[in-house]
Amino acid sequence: MIHIVDLDGARTGFQKNLKEIQAIVTAIDVPVQVGGGIRSLDNINRLLEAGVERTVIGTAAVENEAFVAEALRIHPDAIVIGIDAREGLIATKGWEQQESVSTNEIIQRMSNLGARHYVHTDISRDGALTGPNVEAIKDVITAAAPASVIASGGVASIDDIKALARTGALGVIVGKALYNHSFSLNQALAAMSQS
């Protein structure tokens, strides 16, 4: 799956790159997951109509539970709850605003609404290539069970992917390590399937 974040949308609350996302979806034969600025059913519907398989809701999970409940009711398998955290506390609006809400609290709220999928990003490690926060992922997987959890943040090596796979994470988001050619996509996929 290709994971795309509309960083402009995450900061402003409005999808800014729909045309670019549509172009990517059209050009490839791989499922696409999109986050960033998804704060209305209209956003979700436009993305799904464009061929996106899953949409990630982060800020709105903290600020607008009624919207998330409706989104989960209408599109239960197309909604992923984004848990962007720093030291166990949620960050919103493109990671620019620190909340007093803990990861466990937001997981409990979203699980009560019927969330089936989560992506957890340790934002202090994202893009830093310092290794993932394996303990935090384990805690999120336990709190979110039986929902699926994708791990993100800090992946620098194949060993990191193997460690995350052993936690029971459904998948691992890898960005900078691929861009830096630390390993290949085929090596990463093989590591997930072997662990």
C-alpha atoms as a PDB file:
ATOM      1  CA  MET A   1       0.000   0.000   0.000  1.00  0.00           C
ATOM      2  CA  ILE A   2       1.166   3.537  -0.750  1.00  0.00           C
ATOM      3  CA  HIS A   3       0.750   5.891   2.226  1.00  0.00           C
ATOM      4  CA  ILE A   4       0.327   9.551   1.268  1.00  0.00           C
ATOM      5  CA  VAL A   5       0.107  12.507   3.635  1.00  0.00           C
ATOM      6  CA  ASP A   6      -1.201  15.835   2.384  1.00  0.00           C
ATOM      7  CA  LEU A   7       0.952  17.982   4.686  1.00  0.00           C
ATOM      8  CA  ASP A   8      -0.698  21.196   3.486  1.00  0.00           C
ATOM      9  CA  GLY A   9      -4.080  19.700   4.321  1.00  0.00           C
ATOM     10  CA  ALA A  10      -2.903  18.496   7.730  1.00  0.00           C
ATOM     11  CA  ARG A  11      -1.900  22.019   8.714  1.00  0.00           C
ATOM     12  CA  THR A  12      -4.885  23.874   7.234  1.00  0.00           C
ATOM     13  CA  GLY A  13      -7.673  21.337   7.620  1.00  0.00           C
ATOM     14  CA  PHE A  14      -8.485  21.446   3.907  1.00  0.00           C
ATOM     15  CA  GLN A  15      -7.353  18.991   1.232  1.00  0.00           C
ATOM     16  CA  LYS A  16      -4.814  20.837  -0.888  1.00  0.00           C
ATOM     17  CA  ASN A  17      -3.455  18.145  -3.182  1.00  0.00           C
ATOM     18  CA  LEU A  18      -6.444  16.168  -4.444  1.00  0.00           C
ATOM     19  CA  LYS A  19      -5.386  16.479  -8.096  1.00  0.00           C
ATOM     20  CA  GLU A  20      -1.932  15.139  -7.301  1.00  0.00           C
ATOM     21  CA  ILE A  21      -3.419  12.286  -5.253  1.00  0.00           C
ATOM     22  CA  GLN A  22      -5.803  11.423  -8.102  1.00  0.00           C
ATOM     23  CA  ALA A  23      -2.862  11.364 -10.522  1.00  0.00           C
ATOM     24  CA  ILE A  24      -0.966   8.929  -8.282  1.00  0.00           C
ATOM     25  CA  VAL A  25      -3.997   6.637  -7.865  1.00  0.00           C
ATOM     26  CA  THR A  26      -4.557   6.625 -11.622  1.00  0.00           C
ATOM     27  CA  ALA A  27      -0.904   5.933 -12.430  1.00  0.00           C
ATOM     28  CA  ILE A  28      -0.409   2.884 -10.206  1.00  0.00           C
ATOM     29  CA  ASP A  29      -2.052  -0.437  -9.492  1.00  0.00           C
ATOM     30  CA  VAL A  30      -1.361  -0.400  -5.759  1.00  0.00           C
ATOM     31  CA  PRO A  31      -3.864   0.442  -2.989  1.00  0.00           C
ATOM     32  CA  VAL A  32      -3.469   3.996  -1.664  1.00  0.00           C
ATOM     33  CA  GLN A  33      -4.046   5.304   1.867  1.00  0.00           C
ATOM     34  CA  VAL A  34      -4.277   9.087   2.351  1.00  0.00           C
ATOM     35  CA  GLY A  35      -4.142  11.308   5.423  1.00  0.00           C
ATOM     36  CA  GLY A  36      -3.822  15.011   6.080  1.00  0.00           C
ATOM     37  CA  GLY A  37      -6.683  17.482   6.399  1.00  0.00           C
ATOM     38  CA  ILE A  38      -9.478  14.905   6.343  1.00  0.00           C
ATOM     39  CA  ARG A  39     -12.068  16.558   8.529  1.00  0.00           C
ATOM     40  CA  SER A  40     -15.366  16.082   6.684  1.00  0.00           C
ATOM     41  CA  LEU A  41     -17.403  13.381   4.968  1.00  0.00           C
ATOM     42  CA  ASP A  42     -17.043  15.387   1.773  1.00  0.00           C
ATOM     43  CA  ASN A  43     -13.224  14.993   2.022  1.00  0.00           C
ATOM     44  CA  ILE A  44     -13.587  11.256   2.531  1.00  0.00           C
ATOM     45  CA  ASN A  45     -16.092  10.811  -0.283  1.00  0.00           C
ATOM     46  CA  ARG A  46     -13.948  12.762  -2.771  1.00  0.00           C
ATOM     47  CA  LEU A  47     -10.906  10.645  -1.927  1.00  0.00           C
ATOM     48  CA  LEU A  48     -12.796   7.357  -2.124  1.00  0.00           C
ATOM     49  CA  GLU A  49     -14.373   8.411  -5.434  1.00  0.00           C
ATOM     50  CA  ALA A  50     -10.840   9.163  -6.690  1.00  0.00           C
ATOM     51  CA  GLY A  51      -9.906   5.545  -5.981  1.00  0.00           C
ATOM     52  CA  VAL A  52      -8.225   5.900  -2.579  1.00  0.00           C
ATOM     53  CA  GLU A  53      -8.736   2.738  -0.520  1.00  0.00           C
ATOM     54  CA  ARG A  54      -8.368   4.178   2.989  1.00  0.00           C
ATOM     55  CA  THR A  55      -8.458   7.636   4.546  1.00  0.00           C
ATOM     56  CA  VAL A  56      -6.623   8.536   7.752  1.00  0.00           C
ATOM     57  CA  ILE A  57      -8.375  10.746  10.304  1.00  0.00           C
ATOM     58  CA  GLY A  58      -6.093  12.327  12.911  1.00  0.00           C
ATOM     59  CA  THR A  59      -6.960  15.815  14.158  1.00  0.00           C
ATOM     60  CA  ALA A  60     -10.701  15.255  13.776  1.00  0.00           C
ATOM     61  CA  ALA A  61     -10.477  12.184  16.020  1.00  0.00           C
ATOM     62  CA  VAL A  62      -9.630  14.596  18.841  1.00  0.00           C
ATOM     63  CA  GLU A  63     -11.796  17.530  17.805  1.00  0.00           C
ATOM     64  CA  ASN A  64     -14.927  16.067  16.215  1.00  0.00           C
ATOM     65  CA  GLU A  65     -16.050  12.657  17.457  1.00  0.00           C
ATOM     66  CA  ALA A  66     -19.497  13.051  15.872  1.00  0.00           C
ATOM     67  CA  PHE A  67     -17.887  13.296  12.433  1.00  0.00           C
ATOM     68  CA  VAL A  68     -15.668  10.270  13.105  1.00  0.00           C
ATOM     69  CA  ALA A  69     -18.652   8.238  14.318  1.00  0.00           C
ATOM     70  CA  GLU A  70     -20.557   9.048  11.124  1.00  0.00           C
ATOM     71  CA  ALA A  71     -17.528   8.296   8.936  1.00  0.00           C
ATOM     72  CA  LEU A  72     -17.031   4.934  10.661  1.00  0.00           C
ATOM     73  CA  ARG A  73     -20.733   4.132  10.276  1.00  0.00           C
ATOM     74  CA  ILE A  74     -20.725   4.864   6.535  1.00  0.00           C
ATOM     75  CA  HIS A  75     -17.222   3.646   5.602  1.00  0.00           C
ATOM     76  CA  PRO A  76     -16.064   1.320   8.420  1.00  0.00           C
ATOM     77  CA  ASP A  77     -13.221  -0.321   6.488  1.00  0.00           C
ATOM     78  CA  ALA A  78     -12.066   2.828   4.701  1.00  0.00           C
ATOM     79  CA  ILE A  79     -11.321   4.787   7.892  1.00  0.00           C
ATOM     80  CA  VAL A  80      -7.982   4.618   9.685  1.00  0.00           C
ATOM     81  CA  ILE A  81      -7.507   6.530  12.925  1.00  0.00           C
ATOM     82  CA  GLY A  82      -4.178   8.348  12.918  1.00  0.00           C
ATOM     83  CA  ILE A  83      -2.459   8.369  16.286  1.00  0.00           C
ATOM     84  CA  ASP A  84       0.336  10.909  15.988  1.00  0.00           C
ATOM     85  CA  ALA A  85       2.016  11.007  19.368  1.00  0.00           C
ATOM     86  CA  ARG A  86       4.938  12.537  21.177  1.00  0.00           C
ATOM     87  CA  GLU A  87       5.774  10.970  24.563  1.00  0.00           C
ATOM     88  CA  GLY A  88       2.346   9.340  24.720  1.00  0.00           C
ATOM     89  CA  LEU A  89       0.345  12.508  23.999  1.00  0.00           C
ATOM     90  CA  ILE A  90      -1.516  13.239  20.769  1.00  0.00           C
ATOM     91  CA  ALA A  91      -0.364  15.981  18.400  1.00  0.00           C
ATOM     92  CA  THR A  92      -2.775  17.527  15.886  1.00  0.00           C
ATOM     93  CA  LYS A  93      -2.872  19.977  12.971  1.00  0.00           C
ATOM     94  CA  GLY A  94       0.132  18.567  11.164  1.00  0.00           C
ATOM     95  CA  TRP A  95       1.895  17.902  14.484  1.00  0.00           C
ATOM     96  CA  GLU A  96       1.942  21.627  15.249  1.00  0.00           C
ATOM     97  CA  GLN A  97      -0.422  21.483  18.233  1.00  0.00           C
ATOM     98  CA  GLN A  98       0.254  19.297  21.269  1.00  0.00           C
ATOM     99  CA  GLU A  99      -2.880  18.000  22.997  1.00  0.00           C
ATOM    100  CA  SER A 100      -3.353  16.796  26.565  1.00  0.00           C
ATOM    101  CA  VAL A 101      -5.084  13.657  25.261  1.00  0.00           C
ATOM    102  CA  SER A 102      -3.122  10.423  25.678  1.00  0.00           C
ATOM    103  CA  THR A 103      -2.820   7.734  23.037  1.00  0.00           C
ATOM    104  CA  ASN A 104      -4.721   5.269  25.221  1.00  0.00           C
ATOM    105  CA  GLU A 105      -7.546   7.754  25.758  1.00  0.00           C
ATOM    106  CA  ILE A 106      -8.012   8.409  22.040  1.00  0.00           C
ATOM    107  CA  ILE A 107      -7.819   4.688  21.265  1.00  0.00           C
ATOM    108  CA  GLN A 108     -10.530   4.001  23.835  1.00  0.00           C
ATOM    109  CA  ARG A 109     -12.766   6.738  22.407  1.00  0.00           C
ATOM    110  CA  MET A 110     -12.273   5.585  18.812  1.00  0.00           C
ATOM    111  CA  SER A 111     -12.681   1.891  19.690  1.00  0.00           C
ATOM    112  CA  ASN A 112     -16.007   2.770  21.309  1.00  0.00           C
ATOM    113  CA  LEU A 113     -17.038   4.301  17.972  1.00  0.00           C
ATOM    114  CA  GLY A 114     -16.095   1.108  16.120  1.00  0.00           C
ATOM    115  CA  ALA A 115     -12.651   1.933  14.695  1.00  0.00           C
ATOM    116  CA  ARG A 116     -11.119  -1.077  12.956  1.00  0.00           C
ATOM    117  CA  HIS A 117      -7.799   0.379  11.810  1.00  0.00           C
ATOM    118  CA  TYR A 118      -5.106   2.590  13.358  1.00  0.00           C
ATOM    119  CA  VAL A 119      -1.782   3.999  12.285  1.00  0.00           C
ATOM    120  CA  HIS A 120       0.572   5.033  15.097  1.00  0.00           C
ATOM    121  CA  THR A 121       3.395   7.484  14.434  1.00  0.00           C
ATOM    122  CA  ASP A 122       5.980   8.360  17.055  1.00  0.00           C
ATOM    123  CA  ILE A 123       6.518  11.873  15.736  1.00  0.00           C
ATOM    124  CA  SER A 124       9.707  12.409  17.737  1.00  0.00           C
ATOM    125  CA  ARG A 125      11.295   9.675  15.597  1.00  0.00           C
ATOM    126  CA  ASP A 126       9.587  10.216  12.238  1.00  0.00           C
ATOM    127  CA  GLY A 127      12.135  10.959   9.530  1.00  0.00           C
ATOM    128  CA  ALA A 128      14.994  10.739  12.035  1.00  0.00           C
ATOM    129  CA  LEU A 129      16.144   7.204  11.144  1.00  0.00           C
ATOM    130  CA  THR A 130      16.760   6.545  14.843  1.00  0.00           C
ATOM    131  CA  GLY A 131      14.749   3.325  15.091  1.00  0.00           C
ATOM    132  CA  PRO A 132      11.081   2.848  15.943  1.00  0.00           C
ATOM    133  CA  ASN A 133       9.481   3.084  19.358  1.00  0.00           C
ATOM    134  CA  VAL A 134       8.711  -0.629  19.613  1.00  0.00           C
ATOM    135  CA  GLU A 135       7.328  -0.405  23.158  1.00  0.00           C
ATOM    136  CA  ALA A 136       4.857   2.308  22.168  1.00  0.00           C
ATOM    137  CA  ILE A 137       3.659   0.196  19.234  1.00  0.00           C
ATOM    138  CA  LYS A 138       3.174  -2.793  21.523  1.00  0.00           C
ATOM    139  CA  ASP A 139       1.090  -0.638  23.884  1.00  0.00           C
ATOM    140  CA  VAL A 140      -1.037   0.696  21.008  1.00  0.00           C
ATOM    141  CA  ILE A 141      -1.610  -2.806  19.603  1.00  0.00           C
ATOM    142  CA  THR A 142      -2.722  -4.030  23.034  1.00  0.00           C
ATOM    143  CA  ALA A 143      -5.012  -1.031  23.601  1.00  0.00           C
ATOM    144  CA  ALA A 144      -6.527  -1.177  20.110  1.00  0.00           C
ATOM    145  CA  ALA A 145      -7.109  -4.953  19.930  1.00  0.00           C
ATOM    146  CA  PRO A 146      -8.727  -6.479  17.962  1.00  0.00           C
ATOM    147  CA  ALA A 147      -8.259  -3.599  15.482  1.00  0.00           C
ATOM    148  CA  SER A 148      -5.273  -3.591  13.131  1.00  0.00           C
ATOM    149  CA  VAL A 149      -2.339  -1.249  13.754  1.00  0.00           C
ATOM    150  CA  ILE A 150       0.234   0.070  11.295  1.00  0.00           C
ATOM    151  CA  ALA A 151       3.519   1.302  12.787  1.00  0.00           C
ATOM    152  CA  SER A 152       5.280   4.467  11.655  1.00  0.00           C
ATOM    153  CA  GLY A 153       8.239   6.585  12.665  1.00  0.00           C
ATOM    154  CA  GLY A 154      11.969   6.023  12.895  1.00  0.00           C
ATOM    155  CA  VAL A 155      12.417   2.969  10.668  1.00  0.00           C
ATOM    156  CA  ALA A 156      16.051   2.896   9.548  1.00  0.00           C
ATOM    157  CA  SER A 157      16.856  -0.749   8.831  1.00  0.00           C
ATOM    158  CA  ILE A 158      15.499  -4.160   7.955  1.00  0.00           C
ATOM    159  CA  ASP A 159      16.036  -5.123  11.612  1.00  0.00           C
ATOM    160  CA  ASP A 160      13.622  -2.319  12.584  1.00  0.00           C
ATOM    161  CA  ILE A 161      10.993  -3.746  10.247  1.00  0.00           C
ATOM    162  CA  LYS A 162      11.482  -7.233  11.677  1.00  0.00           C
ATOM    163  CA  ALA A 163      11.172  -5.884  15.231  1.00  0.00           C
ATOM    164  CA  LEU A 164       7.916  -4.116  14.361  1.00  0.00           C
ATOM    165  CA  ALA A 165       6.562  -7.186  12.580  1.00  0.00           C
ATOM    166  CA  ARG A 166       7.158  -9.213  15.750  1.00  0.00           C
ATOM    167  CA  THR A 167       4.905  -6.817  17.702  1.00  0.00           C
ATOM    168  CA  GLY A 168       1.905  -7.917  15.661  1.00  0.00           C
ATOM    169  CA  ALA A 169       1.689  -4.704  13.644  1.00  0.00           C
ATOM    170  CA  LEU A 170      -0.248  -5.229  10.429  1.00  0.00           C
ATOM    171  CA  GLY A 171       2.258  -3.125   8.518  1.00  0.00           C
ATOM    172  CA  VAL A 172       5.059  -0.602   8.721  1.00  0.00           C
ATOM    173  CA  ILE A 173       5.235   2.793   7.026  1.00  0.00           C
ATOM    174  CA  VAL A 174       8.676   3.408   5.568  1.00  0.00           C
ATOM    175  CA  GLY A 175       9.682   6.686   3.967  1.00  0.00           C
ATOM    176  CA  LYS A 176      13.085   8.232   4.478  1.00  0.00           C
ATOM    177  CA  ALA A 177      14.919   4.899   4.696  1.00  0.00           C
ATOM    178  CA  LEU A 178      13.655   4.040   1.203  1.00  0.00           C
ATOM    179  CA  TYR A 179      14.477   7.494  -0.157  1.00  0.00           C
ATOM    180  CA  ASN A 180      18.006   7.167   1.285  1.00  0.00           C
ATOM    181  CA  HIS A 181      18.363   3.648  -0.180  1.00  0.00           C
ATOM    182  CA  SER A 182      19.030   2.108   3.242  1.00  0.00           C
ATOM    183  CA  PHE A 183      17.252  -0.963   1.859  1.00  0.00           C
ATOM    184  CA  SER A 184      14.933  -1.787  -1.032  1.00  0.00           C
ATOM    185  CA  LEU A 185      11.173  -2.127  -1.016  1.00  0.00           C
ATOM    186  CA  ASN A 186      11.542  -5.804  -1.914  1.00  0.00           C
ATOM    187  CA  GLN A 187      13.802  -6.338   1.109  1.00  0.00           C
ATOM    188  CA  ALA A 188      11.267  -4.585   3.348  1.00  0.00           C
ATOM    189  CA  LEU A 189       8.362  -6.679   2.034  1.00  0.00           C
ATOM    190  CA  ALA A 190      10.369  -9.865   2.494  1.00  0.00           C
ATOM    191  CA  ALA A 191      11.192  -8.884   6.093  1.00  0.00           C
ATOM    192  CA  MET A 192       7.498  -8.360   6.906  1.00  0.00           C
ATOM    193  CA  SER A 193       6.496 -11.681   5.368  1.00  0.00           C
ATOM    194  CA  GLN A 194       9.255 -13.611   7.193  1.00  0.00           C
ATOM    195  CA  SER A 195       8.612 -12.200  10.661  1.00  0.00           C
END
